[in-house]
All heavy atoms as atom14 arrays in JSON, in Angstrom:
{
  "sequence": "VIVLGCSHYPFVRPLIERLAGPLVRIIEPSDAIALQTRRVLEREGLL",
  "atom14_mask": [
    [1, 1, 1, 1, 1, 1, 1, 0, 0, 0, 0, 0, 0, 0],
    [1, 1, 1, 1, 1, 1, 1, 1, 0, 0, 0, 0, 0, 0],
    [1, 1, 1, 1, 1, 1, 1, 0, 0, 0, 0, 0, 0, 0],
    [1, 1, 1, 1, 1, 1, 1, 1, 0, 0, 0, 0, 0, 0],
    [1, 1, 1, 1, 0, 0, 0, 0, 0, 0, 0, 0, 0, 0],
    [1, 1, 1, 1, 1, 1, 0, 0, 0, 0, 0, 0, 0, 0],
    [1, 1, 1, 1, 1, 1, 0, 0, 0, 0, 0, 0, 0, 0],
    [1, 1, 1, 1, 1, 1, 1, 1, 1, 1, 0, 0, 0, 0],
    [1, 1, 1, 1, 1, 1, 1, 1, 1, 1, 1, 1, 0, 0],
    [1, 1, 1, 1, 1, 1, 1, 0, 0, 0, 0, 0, 0, 0],
    [1, 1, 1, 1, 1, 1, 1, 1, 1, 1, 1, 0, 0, 0],
    [1, 1, 1, 1, 1, 1, 1, 0, 0, 0, 0, 0, 0, 0],
    [1, 1, 1, 1, 1, 1, 1, 1, 1, 1, 1, 0, 0, 0],
    [1, 1, 1, 1, 1, 1, 1, 0, 0, 0, 0, 0, 0, 0],
    [1, 1, 1, 1, 1, 1, 1, 1, 0, 0, 0, 0, 0, 0],
    [1, 1, 1, 1, 1, 1, 1, 1, 0, 0, 0, 0, 0, 0],
    [1, 1, 1, 1, 1, 1, 1, 1, 1, 0, 0, 0, 0, 0],
    [1, 1, 1, 1, 1, 1, 1, 1, 1, 1, 1, 0, 0, 0],
    [1, 1, 1, 1, 1, 1, 1, 1, 0, 0, 0, 0, 0, 0],
    [1, 1, 1, 1, 1, 0, 0, 0, 0, 0, 0, 0, 0, 0],
    [1, 1, 1, 1, 0, 0, 0, 0, 0, 0, 0, 0, 0, 0],
    [1, 1, 1, 1, 1, 1, 1, 0, 0, 0, 0, 0, 0, 0],
    [1, 1, 1, 1, 1, 1, 1, 1, 0, 0, 0, 0, 0, 0],
    [1, 1, 1, 1, 1, 1, 1, 0, 0, 0, 0, 0, 0, 0],
    [1, 1, 1, 1, 1, 1, 1, 1, 1, 1, 1, 0, 0, 0],
    [1, 1, 1, 1, 1, 1, 1, 1, 0, 0, 0, 0, 0, 0],
    [1, 1, 1, 1, 1, 1, 1, 1, 0, 0, 0, 0, 0, 0],
    [1, 1, 1, 1, 1, 1, 1, 1, 1, 0, 0, 0, 0, 0],
    [1, 1, 1, 1, 1, 1, 1, 0, 0, 0, 0, 0, 0, 0],
    [1, 1, 1, 1, 1, 1, 0, 0, 0, 0, 0, 0, 0, 0],
    [1, 1, 1, 1, 1, 1, 1, 1, 0, 0, 0, 0, 0, 0],
    [1, 1, 1, 1, 1, 0, 0, 0, 0, 0, 0, 0, 0, 0],
    [1, 1, 1, 1, 1, 1, 1, 1, 0, 0, 0, 0, 0, 0],
    [1, 1, 1, 1, 1, 0, 0, 0, 0, 0, 0, 0, 0, 0],
    [1, 1, 1, 1, 1, 1, 1, 1, 0, 0, 0, 0, 0, 0],
    [1, 1, 1, 1, 1, 1, 1, 1, 1, 0, 0, 0, 0, 0],
    [1, 1, 1, 1, 1, 1, 1, 0, 0, 0, 0, 0, 0, 0],
    [1, 1, 1, 1, 1, 1, 1, 1, 1, 1, 1, 0, 0, 0],
    [1, 1, 1, 1, 1, 1, 1, 1, 1, 1, 1, 0, 0, 0],
    [1, 1, 1, 1, 1, 1, 1, 0, 0, 0, 0, 0, 0, 0],
    [1, 1, 1, 1, 1, 1, 1, 1, 0, 0, 0, 0, 0, 0],
    [1, 1, 1, 1, 1, 1, 1, 1, 1, 0, 0, 0, 0, 0],
    [1, 1, 1, 1, 1, 1, 1, 1, 1, 1, 1, 0, 0, 0],
    [1, 1, 1, 1, 1, 1, 1, 1, 1, 0, 0, 0, 0, 0],
    [1, 1, 1, 1, 0, 0, 0, 0, 0, 0, 0, 0, 0, 0],
    [1, 1, 1, 1, 1, 1, 1, 1, 0, 0, 0, 0, 0, 0],
    [1, 1, 1, 1, 1, 1, 1, 1, 0, 0, 0, 0, 0, 0]
  ],
  "atom14_positions": [
    [[160.3, 92.1, 42.15], [160.23, 93.55, 42.2], [159.08, 94.01, 43.07], [158.02, 93.5, 42.88], [160.11, 94.24, 40.79], [160.14, 95.79, 40.94], [161.29, 93.76, 39.97], [0.0, 0.0, 0.0], [0.0, 0.0, 0.0], [0.0, 0.0, 0.0], [0.0, 0.0, 0.0], [0.0, 0.0, 0.0], [0.0, 0.0, 0.0], [0.0, 0.0, 0.0]],
    [[159.28, 94.98, 44.04], [158.18, 95.52, 44.79], [158.15, 96.97, 44.55], [159.21, 97.66, 44.68], [158.26, 95.14, 46.29], [158.13, 93.68, 46.48], [157.33, 95.95, 47.04], [158.43, 93.22, 47.94], [0.0, 0.0, 0.0], [0.0, 0.0, 0.0], [0.0, 0.0, 0.0], [0.0, 0.0, 0.0], [0.0, 0.0, 0.0], [0.0, 0.0, 0.0]],
    [[156.92, 97.6, 44.31], [156.76, 98.96, 44.11], [156.23, 99.55, 45.42], [155.22, 99.08, 45.97], [155.8, 99.23, 42.95], [155.54, 100.8, 42.72], [156.37, 98.65, 41.69], [0.0, 0.0, 0.0], [0.0, 0.0, 0.0], [0.0, 0.0, 0.0], [0.0, 0.0, 0.0], [0.0, 0.0, 0.0], [0.0, 0.0, 0.0], [0.0, 0.0, 0.0]],
    [[156.85, 100.69, 45.85], [156.27, 101.43, 47.0], [155.27, 102.43, 46.41], [155.7, 103.43, 45.92], [157.38, 102.08, 47.78], [158.51, 101.18, 48.26], [159.53, 101.9, 49.18], [157.94, 99.97, 48.99], [0.0, 0.0, 0.0], [0.0, 0.0, 0.0], [0.0, 0.0, 0.0], [0.0, 0.0, 0.0], [0.0, 0.0, 0.0], [0.0, 0.0, 0.0]],
    [[154.0, 102.16, 46.54], [152.93, 102.88, 45.89], [152.39, 103.93, 46.77], [151.22, 104.36, 46.55], [0.0, 0.0, 0.0], [0.0, 0.0, 0.0], [0.0, 0.0, 0.0], [0.0, 0.0, 0.0], [0.0, 0.0, 0.0], [0.0, 0.0, 0.0], [0.0, 0.0, 0.0], [0.0, 0.0, 0.0], [0.0, 0.0, 0.0], [0.0, 0.0, 0.0]],
    [[153.08, 104.4, 47.8], [152.64, 105.46, 48.77], [153.87, 106.27, 49.17], [154.93, 105.68, 49.46], [151.94, 104.86, 49.93], [151.53, 106.13, 51.2], [0.0, 0.0, 0.0], [0.0, 0.0, 0.0], [0.0, 0.0, 0.0], [0.0, 0.0, 0.0], [0.0, 0.0, 0.0], [0.0, 0.0, 0.0], [0.0, 0.0, 0.0], [0.0, 0.0, 0.0]],
    [[153.78, 107.6, 49.01], [154.93, 108.45, 49.33], [155.41, 108.33, 50.81], [156.6, 108.64, 51.08], [154.66, 109.92, 49.04], [153.53, 110.42, 49.73], [0.0, 0.0, 0.0], [0.0, 0.0, 0.0], [0.0, 0.0, 0.0], [0.0, 0.0, 0.0], [0.0, 0.0, 0.0], [0.0, 0.0, 0.0], [0.0, 0.0, 0.0], [0.0, 0.0, 0.0]],
    [[154.6, 107.73, 51.7], [155.0, 107.48, 53.01], [156.01, 106.32, 53.09], [156.9, 106.29, 53.92], [153.88, 107.16, 53.98], [153.08, 108.37, 54.5], [152.2, 108.97, 53.62], [153.09, 108.96, 55.66], [151.66, 110.06, 54.3], [152.16, 109.98, 55.56], [0.0, 0.0, 0.0], [0.0, 0.0, 0.0], [0.0, 0.0, 0.0], [0.0, 0.0, 0.0]],
    [[155.88, 105.33, 52.21], [156.54, 104.06, 52.37], [158.04, 104.12, 52.27], [158.71, 103.27, 52.84], [155.9, 102.99, 51.4], [154.46, 102.76, 51.72], [153.71, 101.82, 50.89], [153.76, 103.22, 52.84], [152.42, 101.45, 51.07], [152.4, 102.93, 53.0], [151.76, 102.06, 52.21], [150.43, 101.73, 52.38], [0.0, 0.0, 0.0], [0.0, 0.0, 0.0]],
    [[158.56, 105.05, 51.5], [160.07, 105.09, 51.5], [160.71, 105.23, 52.84], [161.88, 104.88, 52.99], [160.31, 106.27, 50.58], [159.24, 106.31, 49.59], [158.04, 106.0, 50.54], [0.0, 0.0, 0.0], [0.0, 0.0, 0.0], [0.0, 0.0, 0.0], [0.0, 0.0, 0.0], [0.0, 0.0, 0.0], [0.0, 0.0, 0.0], [0.0, 0.0, 0.0]],
    [[160.04, 105.77, 53.87], [160.56, 105.95, 55.12], [160.71, 104.6, 55.86], [161.44, 104.57, 56.85], [159.71, 106.9, 55.91], [159.84, 108.35, 55.56], [158.77, 108.99, 54.9], [161.01, 109.11, 55.58], [158.8, 110.38, 54.4], [161.07, 110.35, 55.14], [160.01, 111.0, 54.46], [0.0, 0.0, 0.0], [0.0, 0.0, 0.0], [0.0, 0.0, 0.0]],
    [[160.08, 103.61, 55.37], [160.23, 102.23, 55.93], [160.92, 101.34, 54.93], [160.82, 100.13, 55.03], [158.98, 101.63, 56.46], [158.5, 102.32, 57.67], [157.83, 101.67, 55.38], [0.0, 0.0, 0.0], [0.0, 0.0, 0.0], [0.0, 0.0, 0.0], [0.0, 0.0, 0.0], [0.0, 0.0, 0.0], [0.0, 0.0, 0.0], [0.0, 0.0, 0.0]],
    [[161.5, 101.91, 53.85], [162.17, 101.1, 52.91], [163.25, 100.13, 53.41], [163.25, 98.96, 52.94], [162.79, 102.01, 51.77], [163.53, 101.29, 50.66], [163.91, 102.16, 49.54], [164.56, 101.36, 48.47], [164.81, 101.88, 47.22], [164.39, 103.08, 46.94], [165.38, 101.09, 46.35], [0.0, 0.0, 0.0], [0.0, 0.0, 0.0], [0.0, 0.0, 0.0]],
    [[164.13, 100.63, 54.31], [165.04, 99.61, 54.9], [164.43, 98.39, 55.52], [164.95, 97.27, 55.38], [165.87, 100.53, 55.97], [165.65, 101.87, 55.54], [164.31, 101.97, 54.93], [0.0, 0.0, 0.0], [0.0, 0.0, 0.0], [0.0, 0.0, 0.0], [0.0, 0.0, 0.0], [0.0, 0.0, 0.0], [0.0, 0.0, 0.0], [0.0, 0.0, 0.0]],
    [[163.3, 98.61, 56.24], [162.63, 97.51, 56.85], [162.04, 96.56, 55.74], [162.09, 95.39, 55.83], [161.49, 98.02, 57.78], [160.57, 96.99, 58.39], [161.43, 95.94, 59.21], [159.63, 97.63, 59.27], [0.0, 0.0, 0.0], [0.0, 0.0, 0.0], [0.0, 0.0, 0.0], [0.0, 0.0, 0.0], [0.0, 0.0, 0.0], [0.0, 0.0, 0.0]],
    [[161.38, 97.19, 54.76], [160.85, 96.36, 53.66], [161.93, 95.6, 52.92], [161.75, 94.33, 52.62], [160.08, 97.3, 52.67], [158.82, 97.87, 53.32], [159.62, 96.54, 51.37], [158.15, 98.98, 52.5], [0.0, 0.0, 0.0], [0.0, 0.0, 0.0], [0.0, 0.0, 0.0], [0.0, 0.0, 0.0], [0.0, 0.0, 0.0], [0.0, 0.0, 0.0]],
    [[163.09, 96.21, 52.68], [164.17, 95.49, 52.0], [164.66, 94.3, 52.94], [164.86, 93.27, 52.37], [165.32, 96.48, 51.77], [164.99, 97.41, 50.65], [166.11, 98.51, 50.44], [166.86, 98.78, 51.45], [166.26, 99.0, 49.37], [0.0, 0.0, 0.0], [0.0, 0.0, 0.0], [0.0, 0.0, 0.0], [0.0, 0.0, 0.0], [0.0, 0.0, 0.0]],
    [[164.7, 94.58, 54.17], [165.14, 93.51, 55.11], [164.2, 92.31, 55.03], [164.62, 91.15, 55.04], [165.39, 94.05, 56.44], [166.05, 93.1, 57.38], [166.4, 93.7, 58.69], [165.24, 93.83, 59.61], [164.83, 94.93, 60.23], [165.39, 96.14, 59.95], [163.78, 94.93, 60.99], [0.0, 0.0, 0.0], [0.0, 0.0, 0.0], [0.0, 0.0, 0.0]],
    [[162.94, 92.58, 55.1], [161.92, 91.59, 55.17], [161.71, 90.85, 53.87], [161.46, 89.61, 53.83], [160.61, 92.17, 55.6], [160.51, 92.71, 57.1], [159.24, 93.43, 57.47], [160.74, 91.55, 58.07], [0.0, 0.0, 0.0], [0.0, 0.0, 0.0], [0.0, 0.0, 0.0], [0.0, 0.0, 0.0], [0.0, 0.0, 0.0], [0.0, 0.0, 0.0]],
    [[161.91, 91.56, 52.74], [161.63, 91.02, 51.44], [162.86, 90.14, 51.0], [162.77, 89.24, 50.25], [161.4, 92.12, 50.38], [0.0, 0.0, 0.0], [0.0, 0.0, 0.0], [0.0, 0.0, 0.0], [0.0, 0.0, 0.0], [0.0, 0.0, 0.0], [0.0, 0.0, 0.0], [0.0, 0.0, 0.0], [0.0, 0.0, 0.0], [0.0, 0.0, 0.0]],
    [[164.03, 90.52, 51.5], [165.2, 89.76, 51.14], [166.02, 90.36, 50.03], [165.51, 91.27, 49.23], [0.0, 0.0, 0.0], [0.0, 0.0, 0.0], [0.0, 0.0, 0.0], [0.0, 0.0, 0.0], [0.0, 0.0, 0.0], [0.0, 0.0, 0.0], [0.0, 0.0, 0.0], [0.0, 0.0, 0.0], [0.0, 0.0, 0.0], [0.0, 0.0, 0.0]],
    [[167.24, 89.96, 49.9], [168.21, 90.66, 48.96], [167.95, 90.35, 47.49], [168.43, 91.04, 46.62], [169.59, 89.99, 49.34], [169.23, 88.68, 49.92], [167.92, 88.87, 50.69], [0.0, 0.0, 0.0], [0.0, 0.0, 0.0], [0.0, 0.0, 0.0], [0.0, 0.0, 0.0], [0.0, 0.0, 0.0], [0.0, 0.0, 0.0], [0.0, 0.0, 0.0]],
    [[167.04, 89.35, 47.17], [166.74, 89.03, 45.82], [165.61, 89.81, 45.26], [165.35, 89.71, 44.01], [166.54, 87.54, 45.6], [167.61, 86.54, 46.06], [167.18, 85.17, 45.86], [168.91, 86.96, 45.34], [0.0, 0.0, 0.0], [0.0, 0.0, 0.0], [0.0, 0.0, 0.0], [0.0, 0.0, 0.0], [0.0, 0.0, 0.0], [0.0, 0.0, 0.0]],
    [[165.0, 90.63, 46.07], [163.88, 91.49, 45.66], [164.27, 92.98, 45.51], [164.83, 93.45, 46.45], [162.68, 91.36, 46.67], [161.5, 92.19, 46.2], [162.2, 89.84, 46.73], [0.0, 0.0, 0.0], [0.0, 0.0, 0.0], [0.0, 0.0, 0.0], [0.0, 0.0, 0.0], [0.0, 0.0, 0.0], [0.0, 0.0, 0.0], [0.0, 0.0, 0.0]],
    [[163.97, 93.51, 44.38], [164.37, 94.9, 44.13], [163.15, 95.75, 44.46], [162.0, 95.54, 44.17], [164.6, 95.11, 42.68], [165.14, 96.52, 42.33], [165.67, 96.54, 40.95], [166.11, 97.89, 40.58], [166.68, 98.29, 39.37], [166.78, 97.32, 38.47], [166.98, 99.5, 39.12], [0.0, 0.0, 0.0], [0.0, 0.0, 0.0], [0.0, 0.0, 0.0]],
    [[163.45, 96.85, 45.24], [162.44, 97.9, 45.73], [162.55, 99.13, 44.9], [163.68, 99.7, 44.81], [162.72, 98.12, 47.21], [162.82, 96.9, 48.1], [161.49, 99.04, 47.66], [161.45, 96.03, 48.02], [0.0, 0.0, 0.0], [0.0, 0.0, 0.0], [0.0, 0.0, 0.0], [0.0, 0.0, 0.0], [0.0, 0.0, 0.0], [0.0, 0.0, 0.0]],
    [[161.57, 99.62, 44.34], [161.55, 100.85, 43.58], [160.48, 101.79, 44.03], [159.41, 101.34, 44.43], [161.49, 100.65, 42.0], [160.04, 99.99, 41.65], [162.58, 99.85, 41.61], [159.9, 99.88, 40.12], [0.0, 0.0, 0.0], [0.0, 0.0, 0.0], [0.0, 0.0, 0.0], [0.0, 0.0, 0.0], [0.0, 0.0, 0.0], [0.0, 0.0, 0.0]],
    [[160.71, 103.17, 43.99], [159.75, 104.16, 44.31], [160.05, 105.39, 43.39], [161.08, 105.55, 42.86], [159.78, 104.51, 45.83], [161.14, 104.87, 46.31], [161.41, 106.34, 46.3], [160.46, 107.06, 45.96], [162.53, 106.75, 46.57], [0.0, 0.0, 0.0], [0.0, 0.0, 0.0], [0.0, 0.0, 0.0], [0.0, 0.0, 0.0], [0.0, 0.0, 0.0]],
    [[159.09, 106.22, 43.22], [159.13, 107.23, 42.1], [159.62, 108.57, 42.35], [159.48, 109.54, 41.6], [157.65, 107.34, 41.67], [156.88, 107.16, 42.96], [157.66, 106.19, 43.75], [0.0, 0.0, 0.0], [0.0, 0.0, 0.0], [0.0, 0.0, 0.0], [0.0, 0.0, 0.0], [0.0, 0.0, 0.0], [0.0, 0.0, 0.0], [0.0, 0.0, 0.0]],
    [[160.22, 108.82, 43.6], [160.68, 110.2, 43.93], [161.43, 110.87, 42.93], [161.14, 112.07, 42.53], [161.43, 110.13, 45.32], [160.63, 109.54, 46.38], [0.0, 0.0, 0.0], [0.0, 0.0, 0.0], [0.0, 0.0, 0.0], [0.0, 0.0, 0.0], [0.0, 0.0, 0.0], [0.0, 0.0, 0.0], [0.0, 0.0, 0.0], [0.0, 0.0, 0.0]],
    [[162.56, 110.23, 42.42], [163.39, 110.82, 41.39], [162.67, 111.12, 40.11], [162.9, 112.19, 39.48], [164.61, 110.0, 41.21], [165.57, 109.95, 42.4], [165.52, 110.8, 43.27], [166.37, 109.0, 42.56], [0.0, 0.0, 0.0], [0.0, 0.0, 0.0], [0.0, 0.0, 0.0], [0.0, 0.0, 0.0], [0.0, 0.0, 0.0], [0.0, 0.0, 0.0]],
    [[161.78, 110.17, 39.73], [161.02, 110.36, 38.5], [160.1, 111.59, 38.65], [159.87, 112.34, 37.66], [160.28, 109.08, 38.2], [0.0, 0.0, 0.0], [0.0, 0.0, 0.0], [0.0, 0.0, 0.0], [0.0, 0.0, 0.0], [0.0, 0.0, 0.0], [0.0, 0.0, 0.0], [0.0, 0.0, 0.0], [0.0, 0.0, 0.0], [0.0, 0.0, 0.0]],
    [[159.46, 111.79, 39.85], [158.63, 112.88, 39.99], [159.3, 114.15, 39.98], [158.89, 115.24, 39.31], [157.87, 112.81, 41.42], [157.02, 111.59, 41.4], [157.07, 114.02, 41.66], [155.99, 111.43, 40.3], [0.0, 0.0, 0.0], [0.0, 0.0, 0.0], [0.0, 0.0, 0.0], [0.0, 0.0, 0.0], [0.0, 0.0, 0.0], [0.0, 0.0, 0.0]],
    [[160.6, 114.24, 40.53], [161.43, 115.37, 40.46], [161.75, 115.74, 39.01], [161.76, 116.88, 38.6], [162.63, 115.26, 41.26], [0.0, 0.0, 0.0], [0.0, 0.0, 0.0], [0.0, 0.0, 0.0], [0.0, 0.0, 0.0], [0.0, 0.0, 0.0], [0.0, 0.0, 0.0], [0.0, 0.0, 0.0], [0.0, 0.0, 0.0], [0.0, 0.0, 0.0]],
    [[162.18, 114.76, 38.18], [162.51, 114.87, 36.84], [161.33, 115.4, 35.98], [161.48, 116.36, 35.24], [163.0, 113.71, 36.19], [164.44, 113.23, 36.62], [164.69, 111.8, 36.18], [165.55, 114.22, 36.14], [0.0, 0.0, 0.0], [0.0, 0.0, 0.0], [0.0, 0.0, 0.0], [0.0, 0.0, 0.0], [0.0, 0.0, 0.0], [0.0, 0.0, 0.0]],
    [[160.1, 114.93, 36.33], [158.99, 115.36, 35.61], [158.57, 116.81, 36.03], [158.27, 117.65, 35.13], [157.7, 114.5, 35.94], [156.41, 114.86, 35.38], [156.4, 114.91, 33.75], [157.37, 114.49, 33.1], [155.33, 115.48, 33.23], [0.0, 0.0, 0.0], [0.0, 0.0, 0.0], [0.0, 0.0, 0.0], [0.0, 0.0, 0.0], [0.0, 0.0, 0.0]],
    [[158.81, 117.18, 37.27], [158.54, 118.55, 37.69], [159.52, 119.5, 36.96], [159.08, 120.53, 36.5], [158.76, 118.62, 39.22], [157.89, 117.78, 39.85], [158.56, 120.05, 39.76], [0.0, 0.0, 0.0], [0.0, 0.0, 0.0], [0.0, 0.0, 0.0], [0.0, 0.0, 0.0], [0.0, 0.0, 0.0], [0.0, 0.0, 0.0], [0.0, 0.0, 0.0]],
    [[160.82, 119.15, 36.89], [161.72, 120.0, 36.07], [161.29, 120.14, 34.57], [161.37, 121.26, 34.03], [163.09, 119.51, 36.21], [164.13, 120.46, 35.52], [165.58, 119.96, 35.83], [165.86, 118.65, 35.11], [167.03, 118.04, 35.22], [168.08, 118.59, 35.91], [167.25, 116.88, 34.56], [0.0, 0.0, 0.0], [0.0, 0.0, 0.0], [0.0, 0.0, 0.0]],
    [[160.9, 119.05, 34.0], [160.48, 119.12, 32.61], [159.22, 119.98, 32.44], [159.15, 120.83, 31.48], [160.02, 117.71, 32.16], [161.26, 116.81, 31.71], [160.81, 115.47, 31.05], [160.06, 114.61, 31.88], [160.62, 113.63, 32.54], [161.91, 113.45, 32.43], [159.86, 112.77, 33.23], [0.0, 0.0, 0.0], [0.0, 0.0, 0.0], [0.0, 0.0, 0.0]],
    [[158.25, 119.99, 33.37], [157.1, 120.85, 33.31], [157.54, 122.29, 33.52], [157.11, 123.18, 32.76], [156.04, 120.36, 34.31], [154.84, 121.42, 34.34], [155.53, 119.04, 33.98], [0.0, 0.0, 0.0], [0.0, 0.0, 0.0], [0.0, 0.0, 0.0], [0.0, 0.0, 0.0], [0.0, 0.0, 0.0], [0.0, 0.0, 0.0], [0.0, 0.0, 0.0]],
    [[158.37, 122.58, 34.47], [158.9, 123.92, 34.68], [159.56, 124.51, 33.53], [159.33, 125.68, 33.05], [159.91, 123.97, 35.91], [159.29, 123.76, 37.24], [160.36, 123.59, 38.26], [158.41, 124.92, 37.7], [0.0, 0.0, 0.0], [0.0, 0.0, 0.0], [0.0, 0.0, 0.0], [0.0, 0.0, 0.0], [0.0, 0.0, 0.0], [0.0, 0.0, 0.0]],
    [[160.35, 123.63, 32.81], [161.05, 124.08, 31.58], [160.08, 124.32, 30.51], [160.16, 125.38, 29.72], [162.09, 123.06, 31.16], [163.26, 122.94, 32.1], [164.17, 121.72, 31.86], [163.65, 120.81, 31.04], [165.26, 121.74, 32.23], [0.0, 0.0, 0.0], [0.0, 0.0, 0.0], [0.0, 0.0, 0.0], [0.0, 0.0, 0.0], [0.0, 0.0, 0.0]],
    [[159.14, 123.46, 30.33], [158.07, 123.56, 29.28], [157.26, 124.82, 29.42], [156.96, 125.53, 28.43], [157.15, 122.35, 29.3], [156.14, 122.34, 28.16], [155.16, 121.2, 28.45], [154.32, 121.56, 29.57], [153.59, 120.61, 30.29], [153.77, 119.34, 30.05], [152.78, 120.98, 31.19], [0.0, 0.0, 0.0], [0.0, 0.0, 0.0], [0.0, 0.0, 0.0]],
    [[156.9, 125.18, 30.61], [156.05, 126.35, 30.89], [156.87, 127.68, 31.18], [156.27, 128.65, 31.32], [155.2, 126.08, 32.09], [154.29, 124.88, 32.06], [153.22, 124.98, 31.06], [152.84, 126.23, 30.83], [152.68, 123.99, 30.56], [0.0, 0.0, 0.0], [0.0, 0.0, 0.0], [0.0, 0.0, 0.0], [0.0, 0.0, 0.0], [0.0, 0.0, 0.0]],
    [[158.2, 127.55, 31.07], [159.05, 128.73, 31.21], [158.95, 129.22, 32.67], [159.04, 130.44, 32.97], [0.0, 0.0, 0.0], [0.0, 0.0, 0.0], [0.0, 0.0, 0.0], [0.0, 0.0, 0.0], [0.0, 0.0, 0.0], [0.0, 0.0, 0.0], [0.0, 0.0, 0.0], [0.0, 0.0, 0.0], [0.0, 0.0, 0.0], [0.0, 0.0, 0.0]],
    [[158.91, 128.25, 33.68], [158.7, 128.64, 35.04], [159.92, 128.33, 35.97], [159.83, 128.56, 37.14], [157.49, 127.86, 35.57], [156.14, 128.24, 35.16], [155.07, 127.32, 35.62], [155.92, 129.79, 35.47], [0.0, 0.0, 0.0], [0.0, 0.0, 0.0], [0.0, 0.0, 0.0], [0.0, 0.0, 0.0], [0.0, 0.0, 0.0], [0.0, 0.0, 0.0]],
    [[161.05, 127.89, 35.43], [162.24, 127.72, 36.17], [162.62, 129.0, 36.87], [162.62, 130.12, 36.24], [163.4, 127.15, 35.36], [163.35, 125.57, 35.1], [164.46, 125.31, 34.09], [163.49, 124.85, 36.4], [0.0, 0.0, 0.0], [0.0, 0.0, 0.0], [0.0, 0.0, 0.0], [0.0, 0.0, 0.0], [0.0, 0.0, 0.0], [0.0, 0.0, 0.0]]
  ]
}
């Protein structure tokens, strides 16, 4: 498993996947950040 720990790096994810090989899983937090943002908006009544 390889974590993309910089928000720039998803733009080279296809290259990283190609170089790392098919047996290595690549993950990055964009969707998790979006979900957390929605949770905070809901909690604060800001939607």
